[in-house]
PDB file of N, CA and C in Angstrom:
ATOM      1  N   ALA A   1     -73.623  -7.016  25.509  1.00  0.00           N
ATOM      2  CA  ALA A   1     -73.186  -8.381  25.921  1.00  0.00           C
ATOM      3  C   ALA A   1     -74.284  -9.149  26.492  1.00  0.00           C
ATOM      4  N   GLN A   2     -74.257 -10.429  26.345  1.00  0.00           N
ATOM      5  CA  GLN A   2     -75.376 -11.215  27.154  1.00  0.00           C
ATOM      6  C   GLN A   2     -74.797 -11.643  28.484  1.00  0.00           C
ATOM      7  N   PRO A   3     -75.780 -11.458  29.580  1.00  0.00           N
ATOM      8  CA  PRO A   3     -75.386 -12.000  30.819  1.00  0.00           C
ATOM      9  C   PRO A   3     -75.066 -13.417  30.778  1.00  0.00           C
ATOM     10  N   ALA A   4     -74.171 -13.832  31.610  1.00  0.00           N
ATOM     11  CA  ALA A   4     -73.856 -15.176  31.752  1.00  0.00           C
ATOM     12  C   ALA A   4     -73.982 -15.726  33.284  1.00  0.00           C
ATOM     13  N   PRO A   5     -74.799 -16.813  33.585  1.00  0.00           N
ATOM     14  CA  PRO A   5     -74.764 -17.327  34.730  1.00  0.00           C
ATOM     15  C   PRO A   5     -73.613 -18.300  35.036  1.00  0.00           C
ATOM     16  N   GLU A   6     -73.166 -18.234  36.305  1.00  0.00           N
ATOM     17  CA  GLU A   6     -71.874 -18.923  36.691  1.00  0.00           C
ATOM     18  C   GLU A   6     -72.254 -20.070  37.636  1.00  0.00           C
ATOM     19  N   SER A   7     -71.321 -21.066  37.734  1.00  0.00           N
ATOM     20  CA  SER A   7     -71.647 -22.189  38.484  1.00  0.00           C
ATOM     21  C   SER A   7     -71.831 -21.944  40.051  1.00  0.00           C
ATOM     22  N   ASP A   8     -71.227 -20.633  40.402  1.00  0.00           N
ATOM     23  CA  ASP A   8     -71.358 -20.366  41.869  1.00  0.00           C
ATOM     24  C   ASP A   8     -72.585 -19.401  42.067  1.00  0.00           C
ATOM     25  N   GLY A   9     -73.392 -19.314  41.052  1.00  0.00           N
ATOM     26  CA  GLY A   9     -74.665 -18.523  41.393  1.00  0.00           C
ATOM     27  C   GLY A   9     -74.432 -17.092  41.032  1.00  0.00           C
ATOM     28  N   ALA A  10     -73.255 -16.612  40.726  1.00  0.00           N
ATOM     29  CA  ALA A  10     -73.147 -15.176  40.175  1.00  0.00           C
ATOM     30  C   ALA A  10     -73.363 -15.124  38.832  1.00  0.00           C
ATOM     31  N   ILE A  11     -73.669 -13.778  38.284  1.00  0.00           N
ATOM     32  CA  ILE A  11     -73.971 -13.446  37.064  1.00  0.00           C
ATOM     33  C   ILE A  11     -72.967 -12.615  36.533  1.00  0.00           C
ATOM     34  N   THR A  12     -72.374 -12.972  35.355  1.00  0.00           N
ATOM     35  CA  THR A  12     -71.322 -11.914  34.827  1.00  0.00           C
ATOM     36  C   THR A  12     -71.958 -11.115  33.712  1.00  0.00           C
ATOM     37  N   TYR A  13     -71.798  -9.801  33.632  1.00  0.00           N
ATOM     38  CA  TYR A  13     -72.361  -8.985  32.591  1.00  0.00           C
ATOM     39  C   TYR A  13     -71.391  -7.764  32.414  1.00  0.00           C
ATOM     40  N   ASN A  14     -71.067  -7.759  31.324  1.00  0.00           N
ATOM     41  CA  ASN A  14     -70.111  -6.453  30.856  1.00  0.00           C
ATOM     42  C   ASN A  14     -68.877  -6.658  31.718  1.00  0.00           C
ATOM     43  N   ASP A  15     -68.393  -7.666  32.007  1.00  0.00           N
ATOM     44  CA  ASP A  15     -67.108  -8.033  32.864  1.00  0.00           C
ATOM     45  C   ASP A  15     -67.271  -7.577  34.170  1.00  0.00           C
ATOM     46  N   GLU A  16     -68.539  -7.583  34.764  1.00  0.00           N
ATOM     47  CA  GLU A  16     -68.766  -7.329  36.231  1.00  0.00           C
ATOM     48  C   GLU A  16     -69.612  -8.489  36.667  1.00  0.00           C
ATOM     49  N   ARG A  17     -69.084  -8.894  38.011  1.00  0.00           N
ATOM     50  CA  ARG A  17     -69.901  -9.975  38.697  1.00  0.00           C
ATOM     51  C   ARG A  17     -70.985  -9.450  39.600  1.00  0.00           C
ATOM     52  N   TYR A  18     -72.215 -10.041  39.534  1.00  0.00           N
ATOM     53  CA  TYR A  18     -73.275  -9.576  40.292  1.00  0.00           C
ATOM     54  C   TYR A  18     -73.524 -10.865  41.156  1.00  0.00           C
ATOM     55  N   THR A  19     -73.472 -10.532  42.465  1.00  0.00           N
ATOM     56  CA  THR A  19     -73.569 -11.760  43.423  1.00  0.00           C
ATOM     57  C   THR A  19     -74.327 -11.363  44.649  1.00  0.00           C
ATOM     58  N   ARG A  20     -74.891 -10.163  44.754  1.00  0.00           N
ATOM     59  CA  ARG A  20     -75.458  -9.755  46.002  1.00  0.00           C
ATOM     60  C   ARG A  20     -76.886  -9.429  45.721  1.00  0.00           C
ATOM     61  N   PRO A  21     -77.878 -10.440  46.308  1.00  0.00           N
ATOM     62  CA  PRO A  21     -79.223 -10.206  46.060  1.00  0.00           C
ATOM     63  C   PRO A  21     -79.835  -8.826  46.717  1.00  0.00           C
ATOM     64  N   PHE A  22     -80.692  -8.249  45.947  1.00  0.00           N
ATOM     65  CA  PHE A  22     -81.409  -7.089  46.560  1.00  0.00           C
ATOM     66  C   PHE A  22     -82.613  -7.604  47.253  1.00  0.00           C
ATOM     67  N   GLU A  23     -82.588  -7.490  48.578  1.00  0.00           N
ATOM     68  CA  GLU A  23     -83.532  -8.199  49.322  1.00  0.00           C
ATOM     69  C   GLU A  23     -84.664  -7.337  50.044  1.00  0.00           C
ATOM     70  N   TRP A  24     -84.806  -6.006  49.443  1.00  0.00           N
ATOM     71  CA  TRP A  24     -85.626  -5.083  50.094  1.00  0.00           C
ATOM     72  C   TRP A  24     -87.064  -5.149  49.468  1.00  0.00           C
ATOM     73  N   TYR A  25     -87.266  -5.855  48.306  1.00  0.00           N
ATOM     74  CA  TYR A  25     -88.556  -5.937  47.754  1.00  0.00           C
ATOM     75  C   TYR A  25     -89.525  -6.700  48.462  1.00  0.00           C
ATOM     76  N   PHE A  26     -90.471  -6.089  49.058  1.00  0.00           N
ATOM     77  CA  PHE A  26     -91.490  -6.648  49.988  1.00  0.00           C
ATOM     78  C   PHE A  26     -90.756  -7.412  51.155  1.00  0.00           C
ATOM     79  N   ALA A  27     -89.801  -6.782  51.787  1.00  0.00           N
ATOM     80  CA  ALA A  27     -89.076  -7.291  52.936  1.00  0.00           C
ATOM     81  C   ALA A  27     -90.177  -7.393  54.094  1.00  0.00           C
ATOM     82  N   ASP A  28     -89.778  -8.558  54.882  1.00  0.00           N
ATOM     83  CA  ASP A  28     -90.699  -8.723  56.059  1.00  0.00           C
ATOM     84  C   ASP A  28     -90.416  -7.675  57.082  1.00  0.00           C
ATOM     85  N   PRO A  29     -91.230  -6.848  57.496  1.00  0.00           N
ATOM     86  CA  PRO A  29     -90.877  -5.678  58.573  1.00  0.00           C
ATOM     87  C   PRO A  29     -90.370  -6.513  59.940  1.00  0.00           C
ATOM     88  N   GLU A  30     -91.000  -7.664  60.183  1.00  0.00           N
ATOM     89  CA  GLU A  30     -90.532  -8.337  61.474  1.00  0.00           C
ATOM     90  C   GLU A  30     -89.253  -9.051  61.283  1.00  0.00           C
ATOM     91  N   ASN A  31     -88.667  -9.122  59.940  1.00  0.00           N
ATOM     92  CA  ASN A  31     -87.376  -9.875  59.972  1.00  0.00           C
ATOM     93  C   ASN A  31     -86.609  -9.200  58.621  1.00  0.00           C
ATOM     94  N   LEU A  32     -86.219  -7.911  58.812  1.00  0.00           N
ATOM     95  CA  LEU A  32     -85.730  -7.168  57.698  1.00  0.00           C
ATOM     96  C   LEU A  32     -84.268  -7.825  57.480  1.00  0.00           C
ATOM     97  N   PRO A  33     -83.949  -7.650  56.139  1.00  0.00           N
ATOM     98  CA  PRO A  33     -82.588  -8.029  55.745  1.00  0.00           C
ATOM     99  C   PRO A  33     -81.508  -7.043  56.129  1.00  0.00           C
ATOM    100  N   PRO A  34     -80.373  -7.550  56.225  1.00  0.00           N
ATOM    101  CA  PRO A  34     -79.199  -6.633  56.597  1.00  0.00           C
ATOM    102  C   PRO A  34     -79.172  -5.387  55.738  1.00  0.00           C
ATOM    103  N   ASP A  35     -78.955  -4.330  56.318  1.00  0.00           N
ATOM    104  CA  ASP A  35     -78.856  -3.080  55.583  1.00  0.00           C
ATOM    105  C   ASP A  35     -77.793  -3.065  54.550  1.00  0.00           C
ATOM    106  N   LEU A  36     -78.111  -2.322  53.474  1.00  0.00           N
ATOM    107  CA  LEU A  36     -77.004  -1.969  52.569  1.00  0.00           C
ATOM    108  C   LEU A  36     -75.916  -1.270  53.085  1.00  0.00           C
ATOM    109  N   PRO A  37     -74.722  -1.314  52.379  1.00  0.00           N
ATOM    110  CA  PRO A  37     -73.499  -0.587  52.870  1.00  0.00           C
ATOM    111  C   PRO A  37     -73.969   1.022  52.792  1.00  0.00           C
ATOM    112  N   PRO A  38     -73.333   1.806  53.653  1.00  0.00           N
ATOM    113  CA  PRO A  38     -73.817   3.296  53.609  1.00  0.00           C
ATOM    114  C   PRO A  38     -73.798   3.814  52.304  1.00  0.00           C
ATOM    115  N   SER A  39     -72.903   3.525  51.325  1.00  0.00           N
ATOM    116  CA  SER A  39     -72.700   4.211  50.099  1.00  0.00           C
ATOM    117  C   SER A  39     -73.728   3.659  49.048  1.00  0.00           C
ATOM    118  N   GLU A  40     -74.633   2.639  49.507  1.00  0.00           N
ATOM    119  CA  GLU A  40     -75.666   2.178  48.593  1.00  0.00           C
ATOM    120  C   GLU A  40     -76.998   2.317  49.223  1.00  0.00           C
ATOM    121  N   ARG A  41     -77.244   2.833  50.398  1.00  0.00           N
ATOM    122  CA  ARG A  41     -78.548   2.868  51.236  1.00  0.00           C
ATOM    123  C   ARG A  41     -79.470   3.854  50.367  1.00  0.00           C
ATOM    124  N   TRP A  42     -79.031   4.712  49.526  1.00  0.00           N
ATOM    125  CA  TRP A  42     -79.898   5.531  48.633  1.00  0.00           C
ATOM    126  C   TRP A  42     -80.735   4.641  47.586  1.00  0.00           C
ATOM    127  N   LEU A  43     -80.013   3.503  47.298  1.00  0.00           N
ATOM    128  CA  LEU A  43     -80.638   2.529  46.332  1.00  0.00           C
ATOM    129  C   LEU A  43     -81.915   1.947  46.897  1.00  0.00           C
ATOM    130  N   ARG A  44     -81.927   1.556  48.165  1.00  0.00           N
ATOM    131  CA  ARG A  44     -83.137   0.975  48.797  1.00  0.00           C
ATOM    132  C   ARG A  44     -84.273   1.945  48.751  1.00  0.00           C
ATOM    133  N   GLN A  45     -83.941   3.327  49.035  1.00  0.00           N
ATOM    134  CA  GLN A  45     -85.065   4.284  49.155  1.00  0.00           C
ATOM    135  C   GLN A  45     -85.644   4.527  47.827  1.00  0.00           C
ATOM    136  N   VAL A  46     -84.685   4.428  46.736  1.00  0.00           N
ATOM    137  CA  VAL A  46     -85.353   4.865  45.337  1.00  0.00           C
ATOM    138  C   VAL A  46     -85.961   3.592  44.775  1.00  0.00           C
ATOM    139  N   LEU A  47     -85.265   2.536  44.920  1.00  0.00           N
ATOM    140  CA  LEU A  47     -85.828   1.261  44.039  1.00  0.00           C
ATOM    141  C   LEU A  47     -86.992   0.522  44.797  1.00  0.00           C
ATOM    142  N   THR A  48     -86.958   0.470  46.040  1.00  0.00           N
ATOM    143  CA  THR A  48     -87.981  -0.404  46.634  1.00  0.00           C
ATOM    144  C   THR A  48     -89.348   0.068  46.321  1.00  0.00           C
ATOM    145  N   PRO A  49     -89.695   1.365  46.515  1.00  0.00           N
ATOM    146  CA  PRO A  49     -91.163   1.664  46.299  1.00  0.00           C
ATOM    147  C   PRO A  49     -91.534   1.511  44.647  1.00  0.00           C
ATOM    148  N   VAL A  50     -90.520   1.669  43.900  1.00  0.00           N
ATOM    149  CA  VAL A  50     -90.835   1.549  42.472  1.00  0.00           C
ATOM    150  C   VAL A  50     -91.119   0.067  42.251  1.00  0.00           C
ATOM    151  N   LEU A  51     -90.221  -0.817  42.687  1.00  0.00           N
ATOM    152  CA  LEU A  51     -90.556  -2.267  42.518  1.00  0.00           C
ATOM    153  C   LEU A  51     -91.840  -2.666  43.021  1.00  0.00           C
ATOM    154  N   GLU A  52     -92.126  -2.241  44.269  1.00  0.00           N
ATOM    155  CA  GLU A  52     -93.310  -2.677  44.941  1.00  0.00           C
ATOM    156  C   GLU A  52     -94.606  -2.111  44.206  1.00  0.00           C
ATOM    157  N   ALA A  53     -94.441  -0.804  43.563  1.00  0.00           N
ATOM    158  CA  ALA A  53     -95.486  -0.346  42.803  1.00  0.00           C
ATOM    159  C   ALA A  53     -95.817  -1.031  41.463  1.00  0.00           C
ATOM    160  N   VAL A  54     -94.650  -1.331  40.664  1.00  0.00           N
ATOM    161  CA  VAL A  54     -94.727  -1.959  39.405  1.00  0.00           C
ATOM    162  C   VAL A  54     -95.178  -3.507  39.537  1.00  0.00           C
ATOM    163  N   TYR A  55     -94.575  -4.084  40.566  1.00  0.00           N
ATOM    164  CA  TYR A  55     -94.757  -5.601  40.754  1.00  0.00           C
ATOM    165  C   TYR A  55     -95.419  -5.745  42.267  1.00  0.00           C
ATOM    166  N   PRO A  56     -96.706  -5.531  42.342  1.00  0.00           N
ATOM    167  CA  PRO A  56     -97.377  -5.646  43.616  1.00  0.00           C
ATOM    168  C   PRO A  56     -97.561  -7.001  44.021  1.00  0.00           C
ATOM    169  N   GLN A  57     -97.765  -7.283  45.414  1.00  0.00           N
ATOM    170  CA  GLN A  57     -97.840  -8.566  46.140  1.00  0.00           C
ATOM    171  C   GLN A  57     -99.168  -9.235  45.625  1.00  0.00           C
ATOM    172  N   PHE A  58    -100.157  -8.423  45.446  1.00  0.00           N
ATOM    173  CA  PHE A  58    -101.461  -8.952  45.007  1.00  0.00           C
ATOM    174  C   PHE A  58    -102.134  -8.281  43.896  1.00  0.00           C
ATOM    175  N   PRO A  59    -102.556  -8.894  42.756  1.00  0.00           N
ATOM    176  CA  PRO A  59    -102.771 -10.395  42.871  1.00  0.00           C
ATOM    177  C   PRO A  59    -101.320 -11.031  42.863  1.00  0.00           C
ATOM    178  N   PRO A  60    -101.170 -12.317  43.219  1.00  0.00           N
ATOM    179  CA  PRO A  60     -99.958 -13.056  43.211  1.00  0.00           C
ATOM    180  C   PRO A  60     -99.164 -13.158  41.766  1.00  0.00           C
ATOM    181  N   ASP A  61     -99.980 -13.160  40.777  1.00  0.00           N
ATOM    182  CA  ASP A  61     -99.328 -13.245  39.411  1.00  0.00           C
ATOM    183  C   ASP A  61     -98.744 -11.936  38.993  1.00  0.00           C
ATOM    184  N   GLN A  62     -98.869 -10.913  39.819  1.00  0.00           N
ATOM    185  CA  GLN A  62     -98.360  -9.638  39.375  1.00  0.00           C
ATOM    186  C   GLN A  62     -96.954  -9.404  40.060  1.00  0.00           C
ATOM    187  N   LYS A  63     -96.660 -10.273  41.230  1.00  0.00           N
ATOM    188  CA  LYS A  63     -95.402 -10.227  41.977  1.00  0.00           C
ATOM    189  C   LYS A  63     -94.192 -10.444  41.103  1.00  0.00           C
ATOM    190  N   MET A  64     -92.936  -9.781  41.260  1.00  0.00           N
ATOM    191  CA  MET A  64     -91.924  -9.982  40.611  1.00  0.00           C
ATOM    192  C   MET A  64     -91.514 -11.504  41.038  1.00  0.00           C
ATOM    193  N   ASN A  65     -91.265 -12.310  40.044  1.00  0.00           N
ATOM    194  CA  ASN A  65     -90.886 -13.724  40.429  1.00  0.00           C
ATOM    195  C   ASN A  65     -89.435 -14.117  40.114  1.00  0.00           C
ATOM    196  N   TYR A  66     -88.504 -12.978  40.277  1.00  0.00           N
ATOM    197  CA  TYR A  66     -87.135 -13.387  40.064  1.00  0.00           C
ATOM    198  C   TYR A  66     -86.393 -12.324  41.060  1.00  0.00           C
ATOM    199  N   THR A  67     -85.074 -12.680  41.392  1.00  0.00           N
ATOM    200  CA  THR A  67     -84.257 -11.841  42.301  1.00  0.00           C
ATOM    201  C   THR A  67     -83.426 -10.906  41.526  1.00  0.00           C
ATOM    202  N   LEU A  68     -83.213  -9.664  41.787  1.00  0.00           N
ATOM    203  CA  LEU A  68     -82.271  -8.829  41.260  1.00  0.00           C
ATOM    204  C   LEU A  68     -81.012  -8.790  41.970  1.00  0.00           C
ATOM    205  N   PHE A  69     -79.897  -8.880  41.270  1.00  0.00           N
ATOM    206  CA  PHE A  69     -78.698  -8.984  42.039  1.00  0.00           C
ATOM    207  C   PHE A  69     -77.768  -7.739  41.745  1.00  0.00           C
ATOM    208  N   MET A  70     -77.112  -7.198  42.771  1.00  0.00           N
ATOM    209  CA  MET A  70     -76.198  -6.091  42.690  1.00  0.00           C
ATOM    210  C   MET A  70     -74.767  -6.627  42.379  1.00  0.00           C
ATOM    211  N   LYS A  71     -73.895  -5.666  42.112  1.00  0.00           N
ATOM    212  CA  LYS A  71     -72.498  -6.012  41.700  1.00  0.00           C
ATOM    213  C   LYS A  71     -71.730  -6.520  43.039  1.00  0.00           C
ATOM    214  N   GLU A  72     -70.835  -7.368  42.865  1.00  0.00           N
ATOM    215  CA  GLU A  72     -70.063  -8.040  43.831  1.00  0.00           C
ATOM    216  C   GLU A  72     -69.377  -6.886  44.633  1.00  0.00           C
ATOM    217  N   GLU A  73     -68.878  -5.950  43.975  1.00  0.00           N
ATOM    218  CA  GLU A  73     -68.170  -4.863  44.672  1.00  0.00           C
ATOM    219  C   GLU A  73     -69.163  -3.885  45.082  1.00  0.00           C
ATOM    220  N   VAL A  74     -69.061  -3.289  46.329  1.00  0.00           N
ATOM    221  CA  VAL A  74     -70.003  -2.319  46.865  1.00  0.00           C
ATOM    222  C   VAL A  74     -69.577  -0.994  46.097  1.00  0.00           C
ATOM    223  N   ALA A  75     -70.605  -0.404  45.709  1.00  0.00           N
ATOM    224  CA  ALA A  75     -70.506   0.965  44.992  1.00  0.00           C
ATOM    225  C   ALA A  75     -69.902   1.990  45.909  1.00  0.00           C
ATOM    226  N   PRO A  76     -68.987   2.956  45.339  1.00  0.00           N
ATOM    227  CA  PRO A  76     -68.268   3.892  46.186  1.00  0.00           C
ATOM    228  C   PRO A  76     -69.460   4.958  46.344  1.00  0.00           C
ATOM    229  N   GLU A  77     -69.023   5.776  47.425  1.00  0.00           N
ATOM    230  CA  GLU A  77     -69.798   6.930  47.712  1.00  0.00           C
ATOM    231  C   GLU A  77     -70.088   7.781  46.545  1.00  0.00           C
ATOM    232  N   SER A  78     -69.170   7.935  45.589  1.00  0.00           N
ATOM    233  CA  SER A  78     -69.200   8.759  44.372  1.00  0.00           C
ATOM    234  C   SER A  78     -70.007   8.277  43.224  1.00  0.00           C
ATOM    235  N   ALA A  79     -70.522   6.962  43.436  1.00  0.00           N
ATOM    236  CA  ALA A  79     -71.306   6.333  42.365  1.00  0.00           C
ATOM    237  C   ALA A  79     -72.657   7.152  42.147  1.00  0.00           C
ATOM    238  N   LEU A  80     -72.900   7.306  40.850  1.00  0.00           N
ATOM    239  CA  LEU A  80     -74.171   8.014  40.548  1.00  0.00           C
ATOM    240  C   LEU A  80     -75.193   7.151  39.996  1.00  0.00           C
ATOM    241  N   THR A  81     -74.879   5.910  39.711  1.00  0.00           N
ATOM    242  CA  THR A  81     -75.829   4.878  39.285  1.00  0.00           C
ATOM    243  C   THR A  81     -75.516   3.588  39.857  1.00  0.00           C
ATOM    244  N   CYS A  82     -76.559   2.553  39.910  1.00  0.00           N
ATOM    245  CA  CYS A  82     -76.385   1.314  40.406  1.00  0.00           C
ATOM    246  C   CYS A  82     -77.194   0.346  39.313  1.00  0.00           C
ATOM    247  N   THR A  83     -76.598  -0.602  38.797  1.00  0.00           N
ATOM    248  CA  THR A  83     -77.105  -1.566  37.826  1.00  0.00           C
ATOM    249  C   THR A  83     -77.323  -2.786  38.608  1.00  0.00           C
ATOM    250  N   LEU A  84     -78.521  -3.363  38.437  1.00  0.00           N
ATOM    251  CA  LEU A  84     -78.937  -4.660  38.988  1.00  0.00           C
ATOM    252  C   LEU A  84     -79.321  -5.553  37.725  1.00  0.00           C
ATOM    253  N   ILE A  85     -79.199  -6.879  37.983  1.00  0.00           N
ATOM    254  CA  ILE A  85     -79.250  -7.927  36.908  1.00  0.00           C
ATOM    255  C   ILE A  85     -80.252  -8.966  37.613  1.00  0.00           C
ATOM    256  N   GLY A  86     -81.165  -9.491  36.840  1.00  0.00           N
ATOM    257  CA  GLY A  86     -81.983 -10.696  37.109  1.00  0.00           C
ATOM    258  C   GLY A  86     -82.472 -11.352  36.042  1.00  0.00           C
ATOM    259  N   MET A  87     -82.959 -12.598  36.134  1.00  0.00           N
ATOM    260  CA  MET A  87     -83.456 -13.364  35.050  1.00  0.00           C
ATOM    261  C   MET A  87     -84.892 -13.835  35.459  1.00  0.00           C
ATOM    262  N   GLU A  88     -85.922 -13.601  34.490  1.00  0.00           N
ATOM    263  CA  GLU A  88     -87.145 -14.034  34.683  1.00  0.00           C
ATOM    264  C   GLU A  88     -87.355 -15.371  33.875  1.00  0.00           C
ATOM    265  N   ASN A  89     -88.131 -16.195  34.416  1.00  0.00           N
ATOM    266  CA  ASN A  89     -88.315 -17.569  33.697  1.00  0.00           C
ATOM    267  C   ASN A  89     -87.127 -18.297  33.503  1.00  0.00           C
ATOM    268  N   GLU A  90     -86.267 -18.398  34.644  1.00  0.00           N
ATOM    269  CA  GLU A  90     -85.004 -19.068  34.492  1.00  0.00           C
ATOM    270  C   GLU A  90     -85.187 -20.553  34.380  1.00  0.00           C
ATOM    271  N   GLY A  91     -84.328 -21.066  33.366  1.00  0.00           N
ATOM    272  CA  GLY A  91     -84.265 -22.540  33.084  1.00  0.00           C
ATOM    273  C   GLY A  91     -85.535 -22.817  32.075  1.00  0.00           C
ATOM    274  N   LYS A  92     -86.429 -21.945  31.667  1.00  0.00           N
ATOM    275  CA  LYS A  92     -87.463 -22.088  30.823  1.00  0.00           C
ATOM    276  C   LYS A  92     -86.980 -21.713  29.236  1.00  0.00           C
ATOM    277  N   ARG A  93     -87.828 -22.002  28.382  1.00  0.00           N
ATOM    278  CA  ARG A  93     -87.552 -21.779  27.037  1.00  0.00           C
ATOM    279  C   ARG A  93     -87.293 -20.285  26.691  1.00  0.00           C
ATOM    280  N   HIS A  94     -88.262 -19.413  27.352  1.00  0.00           N
ATOM    281  CA  HIS A  94     -88.290 -18.048  27.136  1.00  0.00           C
ATOM    282  C   HIS A  94     -87.689 -17.248  28.194  1.00  0.00           C
ATOM    283  N   GLU A  95     -86.590 -17.665  28.794  1.00  0.00           N
ATOM    284  CA  GLU A  95     -86.089 -16.861  29.843  1.00  0.00           C
ATOM    285  C   GLU A  95     -85.550 -15.549  29.431  1.00  0.00           C
ATOM    286  N   THR A  96     -85.775 -14.473  30.114  1.00  0.00           N
ATOM    287  CA  THR A  96     -85.455 -13.016  29.871  1.00  0.00           C
ATOM    288  C   THR A  96     -84.687 -12.354  30.872  1.00  0.00           C
ATOM    289  N   TRP A  97     -83.580 -11.865  30.493  1.00  0.00           N
ATOM    290  CA  TRP A  97     -82.729 -11.074  31.344  1.00  0.00           C
ATOM    291  C   TRP A  97     -83.194  -9.929  31.593  1.00  0.00           C
ATOM    292  N   LYS A  98     -83.169  -9.228  32.865  1.00  0.00           N
ATOM    293  CA  LYS A  98     -83.656  -7.936  33.195  1.00  0.00           C
ATOM    294  C   LYS A  98     -82.432  -7.209  33.628  1.00  0.00           C
ATOM    295  N   GLU A  99     -82.269  -5.934  33.318  1.00  0.00           N
ATOM    296  CA  GLU A  99     -81.335  -5.035  33.639  1.00  0.00           C
ATOM    297  C   GLU A  99     -82.111  -3.791  34.234  1.00  0.00           C
ATOM    298  N   VAL A 100     -81.803  -3.445  35.560  1.00  0.00           N
ATOM    299  CA  VAL A 100     -82.400  -2.374  36.204  1.00  0.00           C
ATOM    300  C   VAL A 100     -81.288  -1.273  36.529  1.00  0.00           C
ATOM    301  N   VAL A 101     -81.380  -0.133  35.981  1.00  0.00           N
ATOM    302  CA  VAL A 101     -80.354   0.936  36.134  1.00  0.00           C
ATOM    303  C   VAL A 101     -81.165   1.982  37.117  1.00  0.00           C
ATOM    304  N   VAL A 102     -80.549   2.330  38.276  1.00  0.00           N
ATOM    305  CA  VAL A 102     -81.082   3.451  39.114  1.00  0.00           C
ATOM    306  C   VAL A 102     -80.158   4.725  39.202  1.00  0.00           C
ATOM    307  N   LEU A 103     -80.668   5.772  38.954  1.00  0.00           N
ATOM    308  CA  LEU A 103     -79.914   6.941  38.974  1.00  0.00           C
ATOM    309  C   LEU A 103     -79.963   7.671  40.378  1.00  0.00           C
ATOM    310  N   LYS A 104     -78.748   7.834  40.999  1.00  0.00           N
ATOM    311  CA  LYS A 104     -78.851   8.529  42.179  1.00  0.00           C
ATOM    312  C   LYS A 104     -79.289   9.937  42.331  1.00  0.00           C
ATOM    313  N   ASP A 105     -78.823  10.812  41.484  1.00  0.00           N
ATOM    314  CA  ASP A 105     -79.024  12.244  41.626  1.00  0.00           C
ATOM    315  C   ASP A 105     -80.431  12.614  41.153  1.00  0.00           C
ATOM    316  N   LEU A 106     -80.979  11.775  40.118  1.00  0.00           N
ATOM    317  CA  LEU A 106     -82.247  12.090  39.704  1.00  0.00           C
ATOM    318  C   LEU A 106     -83.383  11.213  40.386  1.00  0.00           C
ATOM    319  N   GLN A 107     -82.933  10.272  41.188  1.00  0.00           N
ATOM    320  CA  GLN A 107     -83.908   9.425  41.919  1.00  0.00           C
ATOM    321  C   GLN A 107     -84.770   8.702  41.036  1.00  0.00           C
ATOM    322  N   VAL A 108     -84.388   8.063  39.939  1.00  0.00           N
ATOM    323  CA  VAL A 108     -85.211   7.434  39.101  1.00  0.00           C
ATOM    324  C   VAL A 108     -84.526   6.049  38.754  1.00  0.00           C
ATOM    325  N   VAL A 109     -85.532   5.171  38.412  1.00  0.00           N
ATOM    326  CA  VAL A 109     -85.276   3.850  38.061  1.00  0.00           C
ATOM    327  C   VAL A 109     -85.500   3.586  36.446  1.00  0.00           C
TER     328      VAL A 109
END
């Protein structure tokens, strides 16, 4: 199914709403975003270093230029995966949806 942006800024994909931005990609150490709920903190530890390695800050054209959104509902402690959705080139002719799946047990993206 194709993701669909909603008027309130949420993204609906596979009947799930994605509303919470993942704010830990190159987070300012002097002004850190609010921590994730306890059941999702593993996500920050697995995903952040991968994003920062694949999309480095410098040179600037390599930096990730879109936001990844987490599901509206907080993942339960028993969740083994977390899916995030984003859109590159939003509003342009060649916009591209991005789906990132992170596996808790294997610690892979």
